[in-house]
Amino acid sequence: MFALYKKELSSFFSSLTGYVAILVFLVAIGVFMWIVPGGNNVLDNGYASLETFFILGPWVFMFLIPAVTMRLFSDEKKSGTIELLMTRPISDLAVVLAKYFGALTIALISIIPTFIFFISIYKLGNPTGNIDIGGTWGSYIGLVFLAIVYVSVGVFCSSLTDNQIISFMLALVITFVLYFGMDAFSSMFSLQKGEYFLQGLSISRHYQSMSRGVIDTRDVIYFLGVASIFILLTKFKLQSRKW
């Protein structure tokens, strides 16, 4: 499994995929935070906050992560190497996890350079360091868990087709529904039970909860649970080739 994980990681950085993905994420966030005038611009706001980064991060990830994961299984199917891959002396789940952790590593690496945003905001505060440290770290942790779920969705969608574009679009739609759609659907229910149930399935609700700086066990269980479901669905999809 570890050898396959290293192979996946190496394939990302041996081409432009990994570098472009990280660069696009940083540039997109940086442009809105520092260049585009308006309410999202840190300098225009007049107070030291990373709120813009943590608001835009989930939306940028919604495009970035499907772009990273779309080739994982789709490329194997298109090139005909999927059967060779699945005959390796490791379980189907291990294959899925190796590809999953490879893509997740890329997503997490893309977050690391954003600490320069944190340092900049920290220095710009008046007095220096006048920033909500607890909320900031909570939001960073929330972004990590967001990546955990998004990557699991992307891996699953990649296992469904041999077309990378279709894989990308499917992952984009599913992550959008999980992040924003559940809240939108909940507004259609007049009964509180139905509304609360759908809100509880919304990624944005749990992400916002973590952004307050309080790590609730329920939020952690939610993120890990959703990721586990999509990983298992991927495993079952790969096993279905034997049926």
Protein backbone atom coordinates (compact mmCIF):
# COMPACT_ATOMS: atom_id res chain seq x y z
CA MET A 1 0.00 0.00 0.00
CA PHE A 2 2.78 2.44 0.92
CA ALA A 3 4.57 1.74 -2.37
CA LEU A 4 1.39 2.55 -4.30
CA TYR A 5 0.90 5.69 -2.19
CA LYS A 6 4.42 6.86 -3.06
CA LYS A 7 3.77 6.09 -6.71
CA GLU A 8 0.61 8.21 -6.70
CA LEU A 9 2.36 11.06 -4.93
CA SER A 10 5.28 10.88 -7.32
CA SER A 11 2.97 10.92 -10.35
CA PHE A 12 1.39 14.16 -9.13
CA PHE A 13 4.71 15.95 -8.84
CA SER A 14 6.39 14.34 -11.86
CA SER A 15 3.83 16.19 -13.98
CA LEU A 16 2.42 19.68 -13.62
CA THR A 17 -0.78 18.46 -11.94
CA GLY A 18 0.35 18.81 -8.34
CA TYR A 19 2.15 22.12 -8.84
CA VAL A 20 -0.67 23.70 -10.86
CA ALA A 21 -3.29 22.59 -8.32
CA ILE A 22 -1.41 24.17 -5.42
CA LEU A 23 -0.59 27.32 -7.41
CA VAL A 24 -4.20 27.82 -8.51
CA PHE A 25 -5.43 27.45 -4.93
CA LEU A 26 -2.95 30.01 -3.57
CA VAL A 27 -3.40 32.52 -6.40
CA ALA A 28 -7.21 32.35 -6.32
CA ILE A 29 -7.33 32.96 -2.57
CA GLY A 30 -4.57 35.59 -2.66
CA VAL A 31 -6.24 37.62 -5.41
CA PHE A 32 -9.49 37.92 -3.49
CA MET A 33 -7.76 38.61 -0.17
CA TRP A 34 -5.27 41.25 -1.28
CA ILE A 35 -6.03 42.54 -4.80
CA VAL A 36 -9.75 42.57 -5.66
CA PRO A 37 -11.31 45.58 -3.89
CA GLY A 38 -14.39 45.13 -1.76
CA GLY A 39 -15.58 43.46 1.40
CA ASN A 40 -13.34 40.42 0.93
CA ASN A 41 -10.16 42.50 0.71
CA VAL A 42 -8.20 42.39 3.97
CA LEU A 43 -6.77 45.88 3.51
CA ASP A 44 -10.19 47.37 2.71
CA ASN A 45 -11.82 45.74 5.73
CA GLY A 46 -9.57 47.60 8.15
CA TYR A 47 -9.25 44.75 10.63
CA ALA A 48 -6.93 41.76 10.88
CA SER A 49 -8.86 38.64 9.95
CA LEU A 50 -8.50 35.52 7.81
CA GLU A 51 -12.26 35.31 7.40
CA THR A 52 -12.03 35.80 3.63
CA PHE A 53 -9.64 32.86 3.28
CA PHE A 54 -11.87 30.51 5.27
CA ILE A 55 -15.01 31.63 3.43
CA LEU A 56 -13.49 31.16 -0.03
CA GLY A 57 -11.39 28.09 0.82
CA PRO A 58 -14.25 25.54 0.67
CA TRP A 59 -15.41 26.92 -2.68
CA VAL A 60 -11.94 26.89 -4.23
CA PHE A 61 -11.41 23.37 -2.86
CA MET A 62 -14.66 22.42 -4.60
CA PHE A 63 -12.87 22.89 -7.94
CA LEU A 64 -9.30 22.10 -6.90
CA ILE A 65 -9.81 18.70 -5.32
CA PRO A 66 -11.96 17.19 -8.11
CA ALA A 67 -9.24 18.34 -10.52
CA VAL A 68 -6.68 16.42 -8.47
CA THR A 69 -8.77 13.27 -8.01
CA MET A 70 -10.43 12.99 -11.43
CA ARG A 71 -7.59 10.94 -12.93
CA LEU A 72 -7.03 8.48 -10.05
CA PHE A 73 -9.14 5.60 -11.35
CA SER A 74 -10.45 7.14 -14.58
CA ASP A 75 -6.98 7.16 -16.08
CA GLU A 76 -6.37 3.56 -15.01
CA LYS A 77 -9.62 2.49 -16.70
CA LYS A 78 -8.95 4.43 -19.88
CA SER A 79 -5.41 3.08 -20.24
CA GLY A 80 -6.51 -0.46 -19.39
CA THR A 81 -4.17 -0.79 -16.40
CA ILE A 82 -6.97 -1.10 -13.85
CA GLU A 83 -6.97 -4.90 -14.04
CA LEU A 84 -3.21 -5.03 -13.57
CA LEU A 85 -3.51 -2.67 -10.61
CA MET A 86 -6.23 -4.75 -8.96
CA THR A 87 -4.21 -7.98 -9.31
CA ARG A 88 -1.50 -6.64 -7.02
CA PRO A 89 -1.06 -8.63 -3.79
CA ILE A 90 -2.96 -6.04 -1.75
CA SER A 91 -6.64 -5.71 -0.98
CA ASP A 92 -9.05 -3.54 -2.94
CA LEU A 93 -9.45 -1.31 0.10
CA ALA A 94 -5.68 -0.82 0.31
CA VAL A 95 -5.61 0.28 -3.34
CA VAL A 96 -8.40 2.78 -2.67
CA LEU A 97 -6.71 4.11 0.46
CA ALA A 98 -3.35 4.47 -1.30
CA LYS A 99 -4.91 6.63 -3.99
CA TYR A 100 -7.04 8.46 -1.44
CA PHE A 101 -4.12 9.40 0.81
CA GLY A 102 -2.04 10.39 -2.20
CA ALA A 103 -4.67 12.93 -3.30
CA LEU A 104 -5.30 14.03 0.30
CA THR A 105 -1.59 14.73 0.75
CA ILE A 106 -1.68 17.07 -2.25
CA ALA A 107 -4.70 18.88 -0.80
CA LEU A 108 -3.03 19.28 2.59
CA ILE A 109 0.24 20.45 1.04
CA SER A 110 -1.73 23.20 -0.72
CA ILE A 111 -2.87 24.49 2.70
CA ILE A 112 0.64 24.79 4.18
CA PRO A 113 1.77 27.84 2.12
CA THR A 114 -1.33 29.72 3.28
CA PHE A 115 0.34 30.16 6.66
CA ILE A 116 2.01 33.15 5.03
CA PHE A 117 -1.46 34.73 5.01
CA PHE A 118 -1.74 34.04 8.73
CA ILE A 119 1.69 35.56 9.43
CA SER A 120 0.84 38.62 7.33
CA ILE A 121 -2.46 39.19 9.13
CA TYR A 122 -0.74 38.61 12.47
CA LYS A 123 1.83 41.32 11.67
CA LEU A 124 -0.78 43.74 10.32
CA GLY A 125 -2.83 43.62 13.50
CA ASN A 126 -2.91 46.69 15.74
CA PRO A 127 -1.40 45.85 18.11
CA THR A 128 0.64 43.08 16.44
CA GLY A 129 -1.01 39.70 16.99
CA ASN A 130 -4.50 41.14 17.34
CA ILE A 131 -6.20 38.16 15.70
CA ASP A 132 -8.55 35.44 16.91
CA ILE A 133 -5.99 32.64 17.25
CA GLY A 134 -8.51 30.04 18.47
CA GLY A 135 -10.96 30.72 15.65
CA THR A 136 -8.13 30.73 13.10
CA TRP A 137 -6.77 27.34 14.12
CA GLY A 138 -10.30 25.94 14.36
CA SER A 139 -10.92 27.09 10.79
CA TYR A 140 -7.67 25.50 9.62
CA ILE A 141 -8.70 22.22 11.24
CA GLY A 142 -12.11 22.56 9.59
CA LEU A 143 -10.42 23.05 6.22
CA VAL A 144 -8.41 19.86 6.75
CA PHE A 145 -11.56 17.87 7.52
CA LEU A 146 -13.22 19.48 4.50
CA ALA A 147 -10.37 18.17 2.34
CA ILE A 148 -10.81 14.72 3.91
CA VAL A 149 -14.42 14.59 2.70
CA TYR A 150 -13.90 16.26 -0.68
CA VAL A 151 -11.08 13.86 -1.59
CA SER A 152 -13.21 10.83 -0.67
CA VAL A 153 -15.97 12.13 -2.97
CA GLY A 154 -13.46 12.73 -5.78
CA VAL A 155 -11.97 9.24 -5.49
CA PHE A 156 -15.44 7.69 -5.61
CA CYS A 157 -16.44 9.69 -8.69
CA SER A 158 -13.20 8.72 -10.41
CA SER A 159 -14.06 5.05 -9.90
CA LEU A 160 -17.39 5.48 -11.71
CA THR A 161 -16.08 6.40 -15.15
CA ASP A 162 -13.10 6.31 -17.48
CA ASN A 163 -13.72 9.94 -18.47
CA GLN A 164 -11.82 12.46 -16.35
CA ILE A 165 -14.14 15.36 -17.24
CA ILE A 166 -17.21 13.41 -16.17
CA SER A 167 -15.42 12.43 -12.96
CA PHE A 168 -14.60 16.09 -12.31
CA MET A 169 -18.18 17.23 -12.92
CA LEU A 170 -19.69 14.49 -10.75
CA ALA A 171 -17.37 15.33 -7.86
CA LEU A 172 -18.12 19.04 -8.27
CA VAL A 173 -21.88 18.45 -8.15
CA ILE A 174 -21.78 16.09 -5.16
CA THR A 175 -19.49 18.34 -3.09
CA PHE A 176 -21.68 21.34 -3.95
CA VAL A 177 -24.81 19.51 -2.80
CA LEU A 178 -23.14 18.34 0.41
CA TYR A 179 -21.73 21.79 1.20
CA PHE A 180 -24.51 24.14 0.09
CA GLY A 181 -27.41 22.06 -1.20
CA MET A 182 -28.47 20.53 2.10
CA ASP A 183 -28.98 23.97 3.63
CA ALA A 184 -30.94 25.04 0.56
CA PHE A 185 -33.10 21.91 0.69
CA SER A 186 -33.76 22.37 4.41
CA SER A 187 -35.48 25.70 3.72
CA MET A 188 -38.15 23.79 1.75
CA PHE A 189 -39.29 21.96 4.87
CA SER A 190 -41.79 23.57 7.19
CA LEU A 191 -41.37 20.79 9.75
CA GLN A 192 -38.48 21.40 12.10
CA LYS A 193 -37.42 17.75 12.19
CA GLY A 194 -36.89 17.60 8.44
CA GLU A 195 -35.09 20.94 8.46
CA TYR A 196 -32.75 19.99 11.29
CA PHE A 197 -32.03 16.61 9.72
CA LEU A 198 -30.91 18.14 6.41
CA GLN A 199 -28.94 20.85 8.17
CA GLY A 200 -27.15 18.12 10.11
CA LEU A 201 -26.06 16.60 6.78
CA SER A 202 -24.65 19.89 5.55
CA ILE A 203 -20.86 20.17 5.41
CA SER A 204 -21.05 23.95 5.79
CA ARG A 205 -22.80 23.68 9.18
CA HIS A 206 -20.09 21.45 10.62
CA TYR A 207 -17.33 23.51 8.99
CA GLN A 208 -18.75 26.73 10.47
CA SER A 209 -18.99 25.04 13.85
CA MET A 210 -15.27 24.22 13.79
CA SER A 211 -14.47 27.74 12.60
CA ARG A 212 -15.61 29.06 15.96
CA GLY A 213 -12.54 27.47 17.49
CA VAL A 214 -14.38 24.70 19.32
CA ILE A 215 -13.72 21.17 18.04
CA ASP A 216 -16.92 19.24 18.71
CA THR A 217 -16.75 15.45 18.62
CA ARG A 218 -19.97 15.40 16.59
CA ASP A 219 -18.34 17.43 13.83
CA VAL A 220 -15.29 15.15 13.73
CA ILE A 221 -17.51 12.05 13.60
CA TYR A 222 -19.55 13.61 10.79
CA PHE A 223 -16.54 14.37 8.58
CA LEU A 224 -14.86 11.02 9.18
CA GLY A 225 -18.16 9.21 8.73
CA VAL A 226 -18.95 10.83 5.38
CA ALA A 227 -15.39 10.19 4.12
CA SER A 228 -15.59 6.55 5.22
CA ILE A 229 -18.89 6.08 3.36
CA PHE A 230 -17.45 7.32 0.08
CA ILE A 231 -14.27 5.27 0.52
CA LEU A 232 -16.34 2.14 1.09
CA LEU A 233 -18.55 2.98 -1.90
CA THR A 234 -15.39 3.21 -4.00
CA LYS A 235 -14.26 -0.18 -2.73
CA PHE A 236 -17.64 -1.73 -3.56
CA LYS A 237 -17.59 -0.17 -7.02
CA LEU A 238 -14.19 -1.70 -7.74
CA GLN A 239 -15.32 -5.06 -6.41
CA SER A 240 -18.37 -4.98 -8.69
CA ARG A 241 -16.08 -5.70 -11.66
CA LYS A 242 -15.87 -9.29 -10.36
CA TRP A 243 -19.62 -9.81 -10.24
